[in-house]
Amino acid sequence: MKRTPRNEIDWPKRIATLADARKYVDALGFCVLFPVNHVALPSLHWAVTRRGHLVFDKLFLKIWGWKDELPRRGQAFYGKYFRTRGTLISLEYLPYFLAMREAACRPGDHARFYADGRIREEARAVWEALAENGPLATLELRHVCRLETKAGNARFKRAMLDLQRLLVVGHYGREQETGAWESNRFELLCRAFPEQTAAARGIESAEARAKLAAKYLEWQPAAPPLQLARLFGWSKEEALAAISAAQASLQVSRGKKGR
């Protein structure tokens, strides 16, 4: 019997379908697509393959397709979030991530975010292009933003990472732009997930951190505050407060069940 790697969880059965993958993401709340050594999160890859290493085979391709199909169907967020690595977030927990990042924005907020110093000019241009044109594939988006040169491509990649880490932009399916691999399509989260964005506007940052800490501690109960701080980008004080609030909420919940 294979030993479950440190960051993975024992899922009842191997995931074989898109519906299975959605159930997995919904149950965990958030996970990475493939295992990452320095990111203490379970991966969809392990639940599908039961392998701790990557092999380019039909299972890999299946997982690779699901990362595009889930957000295209509006069933989960996918983007390069945790340490700029592929991340899946469920619809239930997306509002808390948006609230934590103060990213429950509107399509036209790019100018405000730029003026506040939260994004660079290239990120502002990408945001504006998506706001005006809707979902765009990679090459077309670079063209609209006039970032088609080699140097421009480097600035484009940096902008896309910034916007995904901020939870402003996410993957939204794929498109065949050339005769090679299909390109990623991107969309603003406020349009791809309007209900979750609206819900996030009513959540305070501290409440969001407590909710995320509680979910994380469900499958990593022994995780120290520093681990949560590193994972979520919190200060030590924020992590301690989030854990304390999560534990208090759990005690209240248990008390209600025991009545």
Protein backbone atom coordinates (compact mmCIF):
# COMPACT_ATOMS: atom_id res chain seq x y z
CA MET A 1 0.00 0.00 0.00
CA LYS A 2 1.38 3.39 -1.00
CA ARG A 3 2.20 5.86 1.73
CA THR A 4 0.35 9.16 1.44
CA PRO A 5 2.83 12.04 0.98
CA ARG A 6 2.99 14.64 3.74
CA ASN A 7 0.86 17.35 2.09
CA GLU A 8 -1.71 15.01 0.54
CA ILE A 9 -4.92 13.60 2.03
CA ASP A 10 -6.43 10.13 1.92
CA TRP A 11 -9.26 10.51 -0.57
CA PRO A 12 -11.74 7.56 -0.58
CA LYS A 13 -11.25 6.68 -4.25
CA ARG A 14 -9.27 7.72 -7.26
CA ILE A 15 -10.75 10.64 -9.16
CA ALA A 16 -11.73 9.61 -12.68
CA THR A 17 -14.15 12.23 -14.02
CA LEU A 18 -14.63 15.99 -14.11
CA ALA A 19 -17.52 15.61 -11.66
CA ASP A 20 -15.21 13.73 -9.28
CA ALA A 21 -12.64 16.52 -9.59
CA ARG A 22 -15.22 19.14 -8.71
CA LYS A 23 -16.33 17.17 -5.64
CA TYR A 24 -12.70 16.97 -4.53
CA VAL A 25 -12.16 20.72 -4.89
CA ASP A 26 -15.49 21.46 -3.18
CA ALA A 27 -14.57 19.19 -0.25
CA LEU A 28 -11.10 20.66 0.24
CA GLY A 29 -12.04 24.26 -0.51
CA PHE A 30 -8.69 24.91 -2.19
CA CYS A 31 -5.75 22.84 -3.45
CA VAL A 32 -2.92 22.89 -5.96
CA LEU A 33 -3.13 21.20 -9.35
CA PHE A 34 0.21 19.40 -9.07
CA PRO A 35 2.25 18.74 -5.90
CA VAL A 36 4.61 21.55 -4.90
CA ASN A 37 7.32 20.91 -2.29
CA HIS A 38 7.20 24.35 -0.69
CA VAL A 39 3.40 24.69 -0.75
CA ALA A 40 1.73 22.74 2.07
CA LEU A 41 -1.45 21.88 0.18
CA PRO A 42 -2.92 18.66 -1.24
CA SER A 43 -2.96 18.26 -5.01
CA LEU A 44 -5.56 17.11 -7.49
CA HIS A 45 -2.75 15.18 -9.21
CA TRP A 46 -2.27 12.84 -6.24
CA ALA A 47 -6.00 12.15 -5.95
CA VAL A 48 -6.07 11.14 -9.63
CA THR A 49 -2.79 9.26 -10.02
CA ARG A 50 -1.62 8.28 -6.50
CA ARG A 51 1.82 9.35 -7.71
CA GLY A 52 4.08 11.87 -6.03
CA HIS A 53 5.95 12.57 -9.27
CA LEU A 54 4.77 13.83 -12.65
CA VAL A 55 4.49 11.56 -15.69
CA PHE A 56 3.35 12.94 -19.02
CA ASP A 57 0.61 10.42 -19.80
CA LYS A 58 -3.16 10.26 -20.32
CA LEU A 59 -3.82 11.01 -16.64
CA PHE A 60 -1.64 14.11 -16.80
CA LEU A 61 -3.53 15.29 -19.89
CA LYS A 62 -6.86 14.64 -18.19
CA ILE A 63 -5.87 16.79 -15.21
CA TRP A 64 -4.49 19.45 -17.55
CA GLY A 65 -7.85 19.62 -19.33
CA TRP A 66 -9.86 19.82 -16.12
CA LYS A 67 -8.00 22.94 -14.97
CA ASP A 68 -9.54 24.76 -17.95
CA GLU A 69 -12.93 23.08 -17.98
CA LEU A 70 -13.80 23.71 -14.32
CA PRO A 71 -13.54 27.52 -14.56
CA ARG A 72 -15.09 27.58 -18.04
CA ARG A 73 -18.17 25.90 -16.55
CA GLY A 74 -18.11 28.26 -13.59
CA GLN A 75 -17.48 25.39 -11.17
CA ALA A 76 -14.15 26.48 -9.64
CA PHE A 77 -11.44 29.11 -9.94
CA TYR A 78 -8.14 28.11 -11.50
CA GLY A 79 -5.10 30.32 -11.69
CA LYS A 80 -1.51 30.70 -10.53
CA TYR A 81 -2.17 31.75 -6.96
CA PHE A 82 -0.23 29.99 -4.19
CA ARG A 83 3.44 30.79 -4.85
CA THR A 84 2.40 31.43 -8.49
CA ARG A 85 1.55 27.72 -8.87
CA GLY A 86 -1.62 26.28 -10.37
CA THR A 87 -4.39 26.54 -7.77
CA LEU A 88 -8.03 25.46 -7.65
CA ILE A 89 -10.49 27.26 -5.34
CA SER A 90 -14.08 26.16 -4.78
CA LEU A 91 -17.07 28.46 -5.26
CA GLU A 92 -17.80 28.31 -1.53
CA TYR A 93 -14.36 29.56 -0.52
CA LEU A 94 -13.66 31.95 -3.38
CA PRO A 95 -15.49 34.86 -1.65
CA TYR A 96 -13.21 34.50 1.37
CA PHE A 97 -10.08 34.60 -0.78
CA LEU A 98 -11.41 37.66 -2.60
CA ALA A 99 -12.23 39.38 0.70
CA MET A 100 -8.81 38.50 2.12
CA ARG A 101 -7.10 39.98 -0.94
CA GLU A 102 -9.48 42.97 -1.04
CA ALA A 103 -10.10 42.04 -4.67
CA ALA A 104 -13.90 42.06 -4.94
CA CYS A 105 -13.55 44.57 -7.74
CA ARG A 106 -15.49 45.67 -10.81
CA PRO A 107 -14.35 45.58 -14.46
CA GLY A 108 -13.50 49.29 -14.51
CA ASP A 109 -11.46 49.33 -11.30
CA HIS A 110 -8.11 48.99 -13.10
CA ALA A 111 -7.43 52.73 -12.95
CA ARG A 112 -8.08 52.84 -9.20
CA PHE A 113 -5.87 49.82 -8.49
CA TYR A 114 -3.10 51.37 -10.60
CA ALA A 115 -3.42 54.76 -8.88
CA ASP A 116 -3.23 53.02 -5.50
CA GLY A 117 -0.01 51.28 -6.52
CA ARG A 118 -1.50 47.80 -6.35
CA ILE A 119 -0.71 46.90 -9.98
CA ARG A 120 1.87 47.85 -12.61
CA GLU A 121 1.07 49.54 -15.93
CA GLU A 122 1.19 46.26 -17.90
CA ALA A 123 -1.25 44.65 -15.46
CA ARG A 124 -3.52 47.68 -15.77
CA ALA A 125 -3.42 47.34 -19.58
CA VAL A 126 -4.27 43.61 -19.43
CA TRP A 127 -7.13 44.31 -17.02
CA GLU A 128 -8.49 47.08 -19.25
CA ALA A 129 -8.26 44.84 -22.34
CA LEU A 130 -10.30 42.11 -20.67
CA ALA A 131 -12.78 44.66 -19.33
CA GLU A 132 -13.37 46.04 -22.83
CA ASN A 133 -13.18 42.82 -24.86
CA GLY A 134 -14.32 40.00 -22.59
CA PRO A 135 -12.41 36.70 -22.35
CA LEU A 136 -9.29 36.62 -24.53
CA ALA A 137 -6.73 33.97 -25.42
CA THR A 138 -3.05 34.58 -24.73
CA LEU A 139 -1.81 35.73 -28.15
CA GLU A 140 -4.81 37.96 -28.80
CA LEU A 141 -4.51 39.49 -25.34
CA ARG A 142 -0.82 40.25 -25.90
CA HIS A 143 -1.72 41.83 -29.24
CA VAL A 144 -4.41 44.05 -27.74
CA CYS A 145 -1.99 45.14 -25.01
CA ARG A 146 0.84 45.71 -27.51
CA LEU A 147 3.10 43.29 -25.68
CA GLU A 148 4.04 41.10 -28.65
CA THR A 149 7.83 41.49 -28.56
CA LYS A 150 10.16 39.24 -26.59
CA ALA A 151 10.56 41.95 -23.94
CA GLY A 152 6.82 42.58 -24.06
CA ASN A 153 6.12 38.89 -23.49
CA ALA A 154 8.23 38.95 -20.31
CA ARG A 155 6.25 41.97 -19.05
CA PHE A 156 3.00 40.26 -20.05
CA LYS A 157 3.86 37.10 -18.08
CA ARG A 158 4.72 39.20 -15.02
CA ALA A 159 1.44 41.10 -15.34
CA MET A 160 -0.56 37.89 -15.62
CA LEU A 161 1.08 36.48 -12.50
CA ASP A 162 0.39 39.70 -10.61
CA LEU A 163 -3.29 39.70 -11.62
CA GLN A 164 -3.77 36.03 -10.79
CA ARG A 165 -2.08 36.43 -7.40
CA LEU A 166 -4.40 39.35 -6.75
CA LEU A 167 -7.38 37.22 -7.85
CA VAL A 168 -8.43 39.72 -10.49
CA VAL A 169 -7.87 37.41 -13.47
CA GLY A 170 -8.25 33.64 -13.85
CA HIS A 171 -8.23 30.94 -16.49
CA TYR A 172 -11.39 30.61 -18.58
CA GLY A 173 -10.96 27.66 -20.95
CA ARG A 174 -8.67 27.24 -23.94
CA GLU A 175 -8.56 28.34 -27.58
CA GLN A 176 -6.72 27.07 -30.66
CA GLU A 177 -4.82 30.18 -31.82
CA THR A 178 -2.04 28.41 -33.75
CA GLY A 179 -1.29 24.94 -35.08
CA ALA A 180 0.57 24.08 -31.87
CA TRP A 181 -0.78 23.77 -28.32
CA GLU A 182 -4.06 25.43 -27.46
CA SER A 183 -3.73 28.79 -25.72
CA ASN A 184 -5.12 29.67 -22.32
CA ARG A 185 -8.11 32.01 -22.26
CA PHE A 186 -8.42 34.51 -19.43
CA GLU A 187 -11.30 36.42 -17.86
CA LEU A 188 -11.87 38.86 -15.01
CA LEU A 189 -13.04 37.03 -11.90
CA CYS A 190 -15.72 39.62 -11.23
CA ARG A 191 -17.39 38.59 -14.50
CA ALA A 192 -16.59 34.88 -14.39
CA PHE A 193 -17.83 34.59 -10.78
CA PRO A 194 -20.23 37.50 -10.16
CA GLU A 195 -22.08 35.89 -7.24
CA GLN A 196 -18.89 35.08 -5.37
CA THR A 197 -17.52 38.58 -6.01
CA ALA A 198 -20.72 40.17 -4.69
CA ALA A 199 -20.62 37.94 -1.60
CA ALA A 200 -17.01 38.92 -0.91
CA ARG A 201 -17.97 42.59 -0.57
CA GLY A 202 -19.82 41.77 2.64
CA ILE A 203 -16.95 39.87 4.27
CA GLU A 204 -14.31 41.53 6.46
CA SER A 205 -10.66 40.53 6.01
CA ALA A 206 -10.40 39.09 9.54
CA GLU A 207 -13.53 36.99 9.01
CA ALA A 208 -12.11 35.71 5.73
CA ARG A 209 -8.81 34.72 7.35
CA ALA A 210 -10.63 32.88 10.12
CA LYS A 211 -12.76 30.96 7.62
CA LEU A 212 -9.72 29.96 5.54
CA ALA A 213 -7.76 28.96 8.65
CA ALA A 214 -10.64 26.80 9.85
CA LYS A 215 -10.83 24.99 6.52
CA TYR A 216 -7.09 24.45 6.36
CA LEU A 217 -6.98 23.09 9.91
CA GLU A 218 -9.63 20.51 9.01
CA TRP A 219 -7.02 18.51 7.13
CA GLN A 220 -3.87 19.95 8.72
CA PRO A 221 -4.92 20.15 12.40
CA ALA A 222 -1.34 20.25 13.69
CA ALA A 223 -0.24 23.08 11.39
CA PRO A 224 1.62 25.80 13.36
CA PRO A 225 0.75 29.49 12.91
CA LEU A 226 3.93 30.08 10.90
CA GLN A 227 2.82 27.50 8.31
CA LEU A 228 -0.47 29.34 7.74
CA ALA A 229 1.32 32.70 7.67
CA ARG A 230 3.70 31.49 4.96
CA LEU A 231 0.98 29.80 2.93
CA PHE A 232 -1.55 32.64 2.94
CA GLY A 233 0.87 35.55 3.13
CA TRP A 234 -0.30 36.66 6.58
CA SER A 235 1.65 38.24 9.38
CA LYS A 236 2.27 36.10 12.46
CA GLU A 237 -0.31 38.15 14.36
CA GLU A 238 -2.91 37.66 11.62
CA ALA A 239 -2.28 33.91 11.59
CA LEU A 240 -2.61 33.65 15.38
CA ALA A 241 -5.84 35.67 15.35
CA ALA A 242 -7.27 33.58 12.48
CA ILE A 243 -6.48 30.30 14.25
CA SER A 244 -7.95 31.57 17.52
CA ALA A 245 -11.15 32.69 15.78
CA ALA A 246 -11.37 29.40 13.87
CA GLN A 247 -11.00 27.36 17.07
CA ALA A 248 -13.61 29.48 18.87
CA SER A 249 -16.05 28.99 16.00
CA LEU A 250 -15.44 25.24 16.09
CA GLN A 251 -16.17 25.09 19.82
CA VAL A 252 -19.42 26.99 19.31
CA SER A 253 -20.40 24.63 16.52
CA ARG A 254 -19.66 21.56 18.63
CA GLY A 255 -21.66 23.04 21.50
CA LYS A 256 -24.71 23.50 19.28
CA LYS A 257 -24.46 19.92 17.99
CA GLY A 258 -24.24 18.58 21.53
CA ARG A 259 -27.53 20.16 22.59
